[in-house]
Amino acid sequence: MKPVSYYLQEQGFSALHAEQLATLILVASAIVLVVVAEIVTKKILLKAVSVLTRKTSSSLDDLLLKYSVFRRVAHMVPPVLLYNISHAVLIFYPDLIPPVQTVITIYLTVIAVFAILGALDALLDFYNEHPASARLPLKSFVQVLKTIVVSSGAIIVIAKLLGTSPLVFFSGLGAFTAVIILIFKDSILGFVAGLQLTTNNLVQTGDWIEMPKYGADGEITDISLVTVSVQNWDKTITVIPAYALISEGFKNWRGMSESGARRITRSITIDMRSVRFCDDAMLEKMRGITLIRDYLEAKTRELDEYNRKQPFYASVPVNGRRLTNIGTFRAYVVAYLRSHPKINSDMTLLVRHLQPAENGLPIQLYVFCNDVVWAHYEDVQADIMDHLLAVLPFFDLRVFQSPSGADISEAVRNLGRIRVDDVPKP
């Protein structure tokens, strides 16, 4: 400063040399001051903050430490100090003050941007530890904030390099709106889609979704600003544009998981030639089935009472009402499913006929399994179908299936056993 210059002039230095030497002394003093500030900040204060964060119960400060937020903030202390003393240090060279302050401002801007980005990452991780993060993911919003922070930092740096005010760039953004929309089209569409997805609670991390167009069939592992990542059941990863979920639609299995039940819809196709009335021998045999014993007794009384009131020949089976083997089988399936420990009997439980076709008469099971784990669900479904297929012959019913090569070979062998004498002569 000037007193230092005056003192040097008194010692015999010329005014020019005194100013130069005073500036060197001030620069050296500023360097020493900055080094001391750096040591105090990093070696003492930063270390103390690190020790304190490890002793607190909150995880937020640990995350701030993990993402180097405190360290980046500590990097800002020496430049701020240098910025404030630059006028005093360069008092004899005022033309150097603006460039020096510009360099310091750019450095501070870069450090501040990285510190804010680290803080946003720490806050996002802290939020993701809360159960609400699965229902309302904020990663896309954080990415928007990061884009704004980085863009603002870039504008400030460019403005400082060009020697203009950052406000000039911000005010001129309106003229480049079309260009910005074109460049950030996916980000804008993704952000709007993210708002709709999160506001309406359409998807959450961990949801099972299906989008056949993109080959996606699995759990959502990540929801970002532009994409949604799905880990398929074969462990492959499918990345879907966020706006595609809104514009094209998808199937979300979350309702199934939350209800605690998963639907079973399977059909057994019955050969219609095996459908017939139950005779006394068949009824006597089926009365040994515990699950339908009460049903048979009640149904038999009901039909007998009805038939006694009708004037017809009882010897003809088509007259009146009679039990059929397929109707009794349906009653057995209903009773079997209601007694099954893995079937939720409080939800829809149907055993119904579908439209008969050339392949036979389909009998469909429409029930809900109370175990939503995929492997367990498949085991329950398979066990039920195994049992029903095995008991079909007990009701004198046959499953329809197209003839195979073995069936044709057997038919040919049977034809070969027919003796020529058995063939009727014309």
Protein backbone atom coordinates (compact mmCIF):
# COMPACT_ATOMS: atom_id res chain seq x y z
CA MET A 1 0.00 0.00 0.00
CA LYS A 2 1.00 3.67 -0.20
CA PRO A 3 2.57 3.88 3.31
CA VAL A 4 4.89 1.04 2.27
CA SER A 5 5.79 2.95 -0.88
CA TYR A 6 6.47 6.14 1.12
CA TYR A 7 8.70 4.23 3.51
CA LEU A 8 10.70 2.75 0.64
CA GLN A 9 11.11 6.19 -0.94
CA GLU A 10 12.48 7.47 2.34
CA GLN A 11 15.03 4.69 2.17
CA GLY A 12 16.33 6.03 -1.13
CA PHE A 13 14.24 4.13 -3.68
CA SER A 14 12.77 5.96 -6.60
CA ALA A 15 9.00 6.31 -6.79
CA LEU A 16 8.74 3.70 -9.57
CA HIS A 17 10.99 1.21 -7.85
CA ALA A 18 9.25 1.82 -4.54
CA GLU A 19 5.85 1.04 -6.10
CA GLN A 20 7.21 -2.11 -7.77
CA LEU A 21 8.88 -3.36 -4.59
CA ALA A 22 5.79 -2.50 -2.51
CA THR A 23 3.62 -4.45 -4.95
CA LEU A 24 5.95 -7.47 -4.70
CA ILE A 25 5.82 -7.29 -0.90
CA LEU A 26 2.03 -7.08 -0.96
CA VAL A 27 1.73 -9.96 -3.43
CA ALA A 28 4.02 -12.09 -1.25
CA SER A 29 2.00 -11.13 1.83
CA ALA A 30 -1.25 -12.02 0.00
CA ILE A 31 0.19 -15.40 -1.01
CA VAL A 32 1.22 -16.10 2.59
CA LEU A 33 -2.24 -15.04 3.79
CA VAL A 34 -3.96 -17.26 1.25
CA VAL A 35 -1.72 -20.23 2.15
CA VAL A 36 -2.47 -19.71 5.87
CA ALA A 37 -6.21 -19.50 5.09
CA GLU A 38 -5.94 -22.67 3.00
CA ILE A 39 -4.16 -24.53 5.82
CA VAL A 40 -6.58 -23.33 8.49
CA THR A 41 -9.60 -24.15 6.37
CA LYS A 42 -8.56 -27.60 5.15
CA LYS A 43 -6.31 -28.89 7.90
CA ILE A 44 -8.26 -27.61 10.88
CA LEU A 45 -11.83 -26.59 10.05
CA LEU A 46 -12.48 -29.25 7.40
CA LYS A 47 -11.00 -31.97 9.58
CA ALA A 48 -13.12 -30.81 12.51
CA VAL A 49 -16.24 -30.86 10.35
CA SER A 50 -15.38 -34.39 9.19
CA VAL A 51 -15.05 -35.58 12.79
CA LEU A 52 -18.34 -33.95 13.80
CA THR A 53 -20.27 -35.42 10.88
CA ARG A 54 -19.22 -38.94 11.81
CA LYS A 55 -20.51 -38.45 15.35
CA THR A 56 -23.98 -37.18 14.41
CA SER A 57 -26.93 -39.53 13.97
CA SER A 58 -28.14 -37.90 10.75
CA SER A 59 -26.92 -39.34 7.47
CA LEU A 60 -27.27 -36.07 5.56
CA ASP A 61 -23.97 -34.61 6.77
CA ASP A 62 -22.26 -37.93 5.98
CA LEU A 63 -23.60 -37.72 2.43
CA LEU A 64 -22.44 -34.10 2.12
CA LEU A 65 -19.00 -35.30 3.20
CA LYS A 66 -19.16 -38.24 0.77
CA TYR A 67 -19.89 -35.94 -2.19
CA SER A 68 -17.08 -33.54 -1.15
CA VAL A 69 -19.45 -30.62 -0.56
CA PHE A 70 -17.54 -29.39 2.50
CA ARG A 71 -14.20 -29.73 0.70
CA ARG A 72 -15.45 -27.74 -2.30
CA VAL A 73 -16.83 -25.02 -0.06
CA ALA A 74 -13.45 -24.91 1.71
CA HIS A 75 -11.80 -24.35 -1.70
CA MET A 76 -13.77 -21.11 -1.99
CA VAL A 77 -12.32 -19.45 1.11
CA PRO A 78 -8.85 -18.48 -0.30
CA PRO A 79 -10.24 -17.07 -3.60
CA VAL A 80 -12.86 -15.01 -1.72
CA LEU A 81 -10.11 -13.63 0.51
CA LEU A 82 -7.91 -12.92 -2.50
CA TYR A 83 -10.78 -11.20 -4.30
CA ASN A 84 -11.36 -8.85 -1.36
CA ILE A 85 -7.71 -7.85 -0.95
CA SER A 86 -6.95 -7.52 -4.68
CA HIS A 87 -7.66 -3.76 -4.59
CA ALA A 88 -5.16 -3.22 -1.79
CA VAL A 89 -2.51 -5.50 -3.33
CA LEU A 90 -2.70 -3.99 -6.85
CA ILE A 91 -3.29 -0.42 -5.78
CA PHE A 92 -0.41 0.78 -7.98
CA TYR A 93 -1.61 -1.28 -10.96
CA PRO A 94 -5.39 -0.70 -11.13
CA ASP A 95 -5.56 -2.04 -14.70
CA LEU A 96 -4.68 -5.51 -13.41
CA ILE A 97 -7.50 -5.58 -10.85
CA PRO A 98 -10.40 -6.41 -13.29
CA PRO A 99 -8.57 -9.33 -15.01
CA VAL A 100 -7.51 -10.78 -11.67
CA GLN A 101 -11.02 -10.47 -10.27
CA THR A 102 -12.43 -12.00 -13.45
CA VAL A 103 -10.17 -15.05 -13.10
CA ILE A 104 -11.11 -15.36 -9.43
CA THR A 105 -14.82 -15.02 -10.24
CA ILE A 106 -14.59 -17.76 -12.89
CA TYR A 107 -12.79 -20.03 -10.43
CA LEU A 108 -15.37 -19.34 -7.71
CA THR A 109 -18.21 -19.97 -10.17
CA VAL A 110 -16.81 -23.35 -11.19
CA ILE A 111 -16.24 -24.39 -7.57
CA ALA A 112 -19.72 -23.18 -6.59
CA VAL A 113 -21.31 -25.16 -9.44
CA PHE A 114 -19.54 -28.36 -8.37
CA ALA A 115 -20.46 -27.73 -4.72
CA ILE A 116 -24.15 -27.25 -5.61
CA LEU A 117 -24.13 -30.37 -7.81
CA GLY A 118 -22.62 -32.36 -4.94
CA ALA A 119 -25.20 -30.97 -2.52
CA LEU A 120 -28.02 -31.96 -4.88
CA ASP A 121 -26.62 -35.50 -5.17
CA ALA A 122 -26.38 -35.72 -1.38
CA LEU A 123 -29.95 -34.48 -0.92
CA LEU A 124 -31.20 -36.94 -3.53
CA ASP A 125 -29.46 -39.87 -1.80
CA PHE A 126 -30.83 -38.70 1.54
CA TYR A 127 -34.34 -38.53 0.09
CA ASN A 128 -33.98 -41.96 -1.52
CA GLU A 129 -33.44 -43.43 1.95
CA HIS A 130 -37.00 -42.38 2.83
CA PRO A 131 -39.87 -44.78 1.94
CA ALA A 132 -41.65 -41.96 0.09
CA SER A 133 -38.93 -41.98 -2.57
CA ALA A 134 -40.39 -45.14 -4.14
CA ARG A 135 -43.78 -43.45 -4.53
CA LEU A 136 -42.43 -40.05 -5.61
CA PRO A 137 -39.00 -40.27 -7.28
CA LEU A 138 -37.24 -36.90 -7.52
CA LYS A 139 -34.27 -37.83 -9.69
CA SER A 140 -35.77 -36.14 -12.76
CA PHE A 141 -36.38 -32.91 -10.82
CA VAL A 142 -32.83 -32.95 -9.47
CA GLN A 143 -31.51 -33.41 -13.00
CA VAL A 144 -33.51 -30.36 -14.11
CA LEU A 145 -31.99 -28.35 -11.26
CA LYS A 146 -28.53 -29.57 -12.25
CA THR A 147 -29.15 -28.46 -15.83
CA ILE A 148 -30.19 -25.00 -14.61
CA VAL A 149 -27.16 -24.71 -12.29
CA VAL A 150 -24.67 -25.79 -14.96
CA SER A 151 -26.27 -23.54 -17.59
CA SER A 152 -26.24 -20.56 -15.22
CA GLY A 153 -22.60 -21.21 -14.32
CA ALA A 154 -21.64 -21.44 -17.99
CA ILE A 155 -23.41 -18.15 -18.75
CA ILE A 156 -21.61 -16.41 -15.87
CA VAL A 157 -18.21 -17.71 -17.04
CA ILE A 158 -18.83 -16.70 -20.67
CA ALA A 159 -20.09 -13.27 -19.59
CA LYS A 160 -16.98 -12.69 -17.49
CA LEU A 161 -14.68 -13.76 -20.32
CA LEU A 162 -16.45 -11.39 -22.71
CA GLY A 163 -16.50 -8.60 -20.15
CA THR A 164 -20.28 -8.19 -20.18
CA SER A 165 -22.98 -8.59 -17.57
CA PRO A 166 -24.59 -12.07 -17.22
CA LEU A 167 -27.96 -10.31 -17.33
CA VAL A 168 -27.34 -9.57 -21.02
CA PHE A 169 -27.18 -13.29 -21.76
CA PHE A 170 -30.21 -14.11 -19.62
CA SER A 171 -32.25 -11.39 -21.31
CA GLY A 172 -31.22 -12.68 -24.73
CA LEU A 173 -32.36 -16.22 -24.07
CA GLY A 174 -35.81 -15.38 -25.38
CA ALA A 175 -34.43 -14.99 -28.89
CA PHE A 176 -32.91 -18.48 -28.71
CA THR A 177 -35.97 -20.20 -27.28
CA ALA A 178 -36.61 -22.19 -30.47
CA VAL A 179 -33.00 -23.36 -30.58
CA ILE A 180 -33.07 -24.29 -26.90
CA ILE A 181 -36.30 -26.26 -27.35
CA LEU A 182 -34.76 -28.12 -30.29
CA ILE A 183 -31.56 -28.92 -28.41
CA PHE A 184 -33.28 -29.92 -25.17
CA LYS A 185 -36.34 -31.55 -26.77
CA ASP A 186 -35.88 -34.92 -25.07
CA SER A 187 -35.13 -33.28 -21.73
CA ILE A 188 -38.23 -31.08 -21.94
CA LEU A 189 -40.47 -33.99 -22.99
CA GLY A 190 -38.93 -36.16 -20.29
CA PHE A 191 -39.44 -33.47 -17.67
CA VAL A 192 -43.10 -33.00 -18.59
CA ALA A 193 -43.59 -36.78 -18.64
CA GLY A 194 -41.82 -37.06 -15.29
CA LEU A 195 -44.21 -34.52 -13.81
CA GLN A 196 -47.19 -36.51 -15.05
CA LEU A 197 -45.76 -39.83 -13.91
CA THR A 198 -44.91 -38.62 -10.41
CA THR A 199 -47.92 -36.35 -9.90
CA ASN A 200 -50.35 -39.11 -10.89
CA ASN A 201 -48.25 -41.79 -9.18
CA LEU A 202 -48.21 -43.89 -12.35
CA VAL A 203 -44.85 -45.56 -11.78
CA GLN A 204 -42.47 -46.08 -8.90
CA THR A 205 -39.05 -47.60 -8.57
CA GLY A 206 -39.57 -51.32 -8.12
CA ASP A 207 -42.80 -51.49 -10.12
CA TRP A 208 -43.23 -54.36 -12.58
CA ILE A 209 -44.22 -52.93 -15.97
CA GLU A 210 -44.70 -54.31 -19.46
CA MET A 211 -44.09 -52.48 -22.76
CA PRO A 212 -43.90 -55.09 -25.54
CA LYS A 213 -42.91 -52.47 -28.14
CA TYR A 214 -39.63 -51.85 -26.29
CA GLY A 215 -39.20 -55.45 -25.14
CA ALA A 216 -39.62 -54.36 -21.52
CA ASP A 217 -41.00 -56.83 -19.00
CA GLY A 218 -39.54 -56.42 -15.53
CA GLU A 219 -38.92 -54.08 -12.61
CA ILE A 220 -38.15 -50.37 -12.85
CA THR A 221 -34.67 -49.74 -11.47
CA ASP A 222 -34.27 -46.06 -12.26
CA ILE A 223 -36.45 -43.10 -13.24
CA SER A 224 -34.43 -40.19 -14.64
CA LEU A 225 -35.20 -36.99 -16.49
CA VAL A 226 -35.14 -38.52 -19.95
CA THR A 227 -35.31 -42.32 -19.51
CA VAL A 228 -36.79 -45.08 -17.41
CA SER A 229 -34.59 -48.15 -16.91
CA VAL A 230 -36.26 -51.55 -16.63
CA GLN A 231 -34.46 -54.72 -15.58
CA ASN A 232 -36.17 -57.56 -17.42
CA TRP A 233 -36.64 -60.98 -15.86
CA ASP A 234 -33.78 -62.33 -17.97
CA LYS A 235 -31.56 -59.69 -16.29
CA THR A 236 -31.22 -57.57 -19.41
CA ILE A 237 -31.77 -53.80 -19.14
CA THR A 238 -34.26 -51.95 -21.32
CA VAL A 239 -34.11 -48.14 -21.45
CA ILE A 240 -37.42 -46.47 -22.37
CA PRO A 241 -37.93 -42.74 -23.10
CA ALA A 242 -39.88 -41.27 -20.21
CA TYR A 243 -42.38 -39.58 -22.51
CA ALA A 244 -43.10 -42.96 -24.19
CA LEU A 245 -44.75 -44.15 -20.98
CA ILE A 246 -47.25 -41.30 -21.29
CA SER A 247 -47.73 -41.23 -25.05
CA GLU A 248 -47.84 -44.98 -25.75
CA GLY A 249 -49.11 -46.53 -22.53
CA PHE A 250 -47.86 -49.46 -20.49
CA LYS A 251 -49.06 -52.16 -18.11
CA ASN A 252 -48.18 -51.73 -14.44
CA TRP A 253 -48.50 -54.77 -12.16
CA ARG A 254 -48.26 -52.72 -8.95
CA GLY A 255 -51.96 -53.23 -8.20
CA MET A 256 -51.41 -56.98 -8.18
CA SER A 257 -48.51 -56.66 -5.76
CA GLU A 258 -50.38 -54.31 -3.44
CA SER A 259 -53.50 -56.49 -3.40
CA GLY A 260 -51.50 -59.51 -2.28
CA ALA A 261 -53.14 -61.71 -4.92
CA ARG A 262 -52.35 -62.70 -8.49
CA ARG A 263 -54.89 -63.85 -11.04
CA ILE A 264 -54.94 -67.38 -12.46
CA THR A 265 -56.78 -67.81 -15.76
CA ARG A 266 -56.29 -71.28 -17.18
CA SER A 267 -58.55 -73.46 -19.29
CA ILE A 268 -59.08 -77.19 -19.71
CA THR A 269 -60.57 -78.14 -23.08
CA ILE A 270 -63.04 -81.01 -22.71
CA ASP A 271 -63.82 -83.44 -25.50
CA MET A 272 -67.56 -82.84 -25.93
CA ARG A 273 -68.13 -86.47 -26.90
CA SER A 274 -67.35 -87.46 -23.30
CA VAL A 275 -70.12 -85.25 -21.83
CA ARG A 276 -73.12 -87.28 -20.64
CA PHE A 277 -75.74 -87.70 -17.92
CA CYS A 278 -74.71 -89.25 -14.64
CA ASP A 279 -76.15 -92.72 -14.09
CA ASP A 280 -76.66 -94.36 -10.73
CA ALA A 281 -73.33 -96.13 -10.81
CA MET A 282 -71.47 -92.90 -11.52
CA LEU A 283 -73.37 -91.04 -8.80
CA GLU A 284 -72.59 -93.77 -6.30
CA LYS A 285 -68.92 -93.57 -7.20
CA MET A 286 -68.82 -89.76 -6.93
CA ARG A 287 -70.50 -89.78 -3.51
CA GLY A 288 -67.18 -91.01 -2.20
CA ILE A 289 -65.62 -87.61 -3.04
CA THR A 290 -65.65 -85.66 0.21
CA LEU A 291 -65.62 -82.21 -1.38
CA ILE A 292 -68.85 -82.71 -3.34
CA ARG A 293 -70.74 -85.17 -1.12
CA ASP A 294 -72.98 -82.45 0.30
CA TYR A 295 -73.41 -80.92 -3.15
CA LEU A 296 -74.57 -84.26 -4.62
CA GLU A 297 -77.04 -84.89 -1.82
CA ALA A 298 -78.57 -81.41 -2.09
CA LYS A 299 -78.63 -81.44 -5.89
CA THR A 300 -80.14 -84.92 -6.05
CA ARG A 301 -82.98 -83.95 -3.68
CA GLU A 302 -83.61 -80.77 -5.68
CA LEU A 303 -83.81 -82.60 -9.01
CA ASP A 304 -85.90 -85.47 -7.66
CA GLU A 305 -88.40 -83.02 -6.19
CA TYR A 306 -88.60 -81.12 -9.47
CA ASN A 307 -88.95 -84.23 -11.63
CA ARG A 308 -91.76 -85.68 -9.49
CA LYS A 309 -93.91 -82.67 -10.31
CA GLN A 310 -93.44 -82.98 -14.07
CA PRO A 311 -95.62 -85.25 -16.27
CA PHE A 312 -93.09 -87.14 -18.39
CA TYR A 313 -91.59 -90.58 -18.87
CA ALA A 314 -88.81 -90.91 -16.32
CA SER A 315 -87.25 -93.73 -18.29
CA VAL A 316 -86.15 -91.33 -21.03
CA PRO A 317 -83.05 -89.46 -19.77
CA VAL A 318 -83.70 -86.31 -21.74
CA ASN A 319 -86.94 -85.75 -19.88
CA GLY A 320 -86.64 -83.61 -16.77
CA ARG A 321 -83.49 -82.35 -15.10
CA ARG A 322 -80.50 -84.59 -14.48
CA LEU A 323 -76.94 -84.28 -13.27
CA THR A 324 -74.21 -84.35 -15.88
CA ASN A 325 -70.63 -85.41 -15.43
CA ILE A 326 -69.31 -82.05 -16.63
CA GLY A 327 -71.60 -80.08 -14.29
CA THR A 328 -70.55 -82.25 -11.37
CA PHE A 329 -66.93 -81.75 -12.37
CA ARG A 330 -67.40 -77.97 -12.32
CA ALA A 331 -68.91 -78.23 -8.83
CA TYR A 332 -65.91 -80.29 -7.75
CA VAL A 333 -63.45 -77.72 -9.17
CA VAL A 334 -65.23 -74.89 -7.28
CA ALA A 335 -65.14 -76.84 -4.03
CA TYR A 336 -61.51 -77.82 -4.60
CA LEU A 337 -60.44 -74.21 -5.24
CA ARG A 338 -62.35 -72.87 -2.23
CA SER A 339 -60.59 -75.38 0.00
CA HIS A 340 -57.15 -74.72 -1.49
CA PRO A 341 -54.89 -72.85 1.00
CA LYS A 342 -53.20 -70.84 -1.75
CA ILE A 343 -56.41 -69.49 -3.32
CA ASN A 344 -57.92 -66.22 -2.09
CA SER A 345 -61.59 -67.14 -1.75
CA ASP A 346 -62.53 -63.55 -0.82
CA MET A 347 -61.79 -62.42 -4.38
CA THR A 348 -63.43 -63.45 -7.65
CA LEU A 349 -63.62 -67.22 -8.03
CA LEU A 350 -65.20 -68.53 -11.24
CA VAL A 351 -65.27 -71.87 -13.00
CA ARG A 352 -67.09 -71.27 -16.27
CA HIS A 353 -67.72 -72.53 -19.78
CA LEU A 354 -66.22 -70.62 -22.66
CA GLN A 355 -67.57 -70.71 -26.20
CA PRO A 356 -67.40 -74.27 -27.59
CA ALA A 357 -65.15 -74.54 -30.63
CA GLU A 358 -63.71 -77.13 -32.95
CA ASN A 359 -61.20 -78.01 -30.25
CA GLY A 360 -63.84 -78.84 -27.65
CA LEU A 361 -65.50 -77.13 -24.70
CA PRO A 362 -63.10 -74.96 -22.63
CA ILE A 363 -63.68 -74.84 -18.87
CA GLN A 364 -61.90 -71.77 -17.52
CA LEU A 365 -60.59 -71.19 -14.02
CA TYR A 366 -60.69 -67.53 -12.99
CA VAL A 367 -59.28 -67.25 -9.46
CA PHE A 368 -56.64 -65.38 -7.48
CA CYS A 369 -53.58 -66.89 -5.87
CA ASN A 370 -52.66 -65.35 -2.51
CA ASP A 371 -48.92 -65.66 -3.19
CA VAL A 372 -47.62 -63.05 -5.65
CA VAL A 373 -44.03 -64.35 -5.77
CA TRP A 374 -43.56 -65.45 -9.35
CA ALA A 375 -42.02 -68.86 -8.69
CA HIS A 376 -44.54 -69.70 -5.96
CA TYR A 377 -47.42 -68.51 -8.15
CA GLU A 378 -46.33 -70.75 -11.02
CA ASP A 379 -46.01 -73.72 -8.64
CA VAL A 380 -49.54 -73.20 -7.31
CA GLN A 381 -50.96 -72.83 -10.82
CA ALA A 382 -49.20 -75.97 -12.04
CA ASP A 383 -50.26 -78.01 -8.98
CA ILE A 384 -53.92 -77.09 -9.53
CA MET A 385 -53.82 -77.99 -13.22
CA ASP A 386 -51.98 -81.25 -12.48
CA HIS A 387 -54.67 -82.28 -10.03
CA LEU A 388 -57.61 -81.36 -12.24
CA LEU A 389 -56.19 -83.16 -15.26
CA ALA A 390 -55.60 -86.24 -13.12
CA VAL A 391 -59.18 -86.36 -11.74
CA LEU A 392 -60.92 -85.85 -15.10
CA PRO A 393 -61.19 -89.61 -15.85
CA PHE A 394 -62.95 -90.08 -12.50
CA PHE A 395 -65.84 -88.08 -13.98
CA ASP A 396 -65.67 -90.00 -17.28
CA LEU A 397 -64.42 -86.89 -19.06
CA ARG A 398 -61.64 -86.65 -21.62
CA VAL A 399 -59.33 -83.77 -22.50
CA PHE A 400 -59.40 -82.81 -26.15
CA GLN A 401 -56.07 -82.77 -27.96
CA SER A 402 -55.14 -83.04 -31.59
CA PRO A 403 -53.96 -86.51 -32.64
CA SER A 404 -50.23 -86.98 -32.51
CA GLY A 405 -47.97 -89.28 -34.48
CA ALA A 406 -48.30 -91.93 -31.76
CA ASP A 407 -52.11 -91.81 -32.03
CA ILE A 408 -51.98 -92.29 -35.80
CA SER A 409 -49.49 -95.16 -35.49
CA GLU A 410 -51.71 -96.90 -32.94
CA ALA A 411 -54.75 -96.49 -35.22
CA VAL A 412 -52.82 -98.03 -38.12
CA ARG A 413 -51.78 -100.99 -35.95
CA ASN A 414 -55.36 -101.53 -34.84
CA LEU A 415 -56.52 -101.56 -38.45
CA GLY A 416 -53.86 -104.12 -39.25
CA ARG A 417 -55.27 -106.48 -36.63
CA ILE A 418 -58.64 -106.67 -38.41
CA ARG A 419 -58.91 -110.00 -40.17
CA VAL A 420 -59.92 -110.13 -43.73
CA ASP A 421 -62.85 -112.44 -42.82
CA ASP A 422 -64.19 -109.74 -40.49
CA VAL A 423 -64.55 -107.27 -43.31
CA PRO A 424 -68.19 -107.29 -44.47
CA LYS A 425 -68.61 -108.48 -48.05
CA PRO A 426 -70.59 -106.36 -50.50
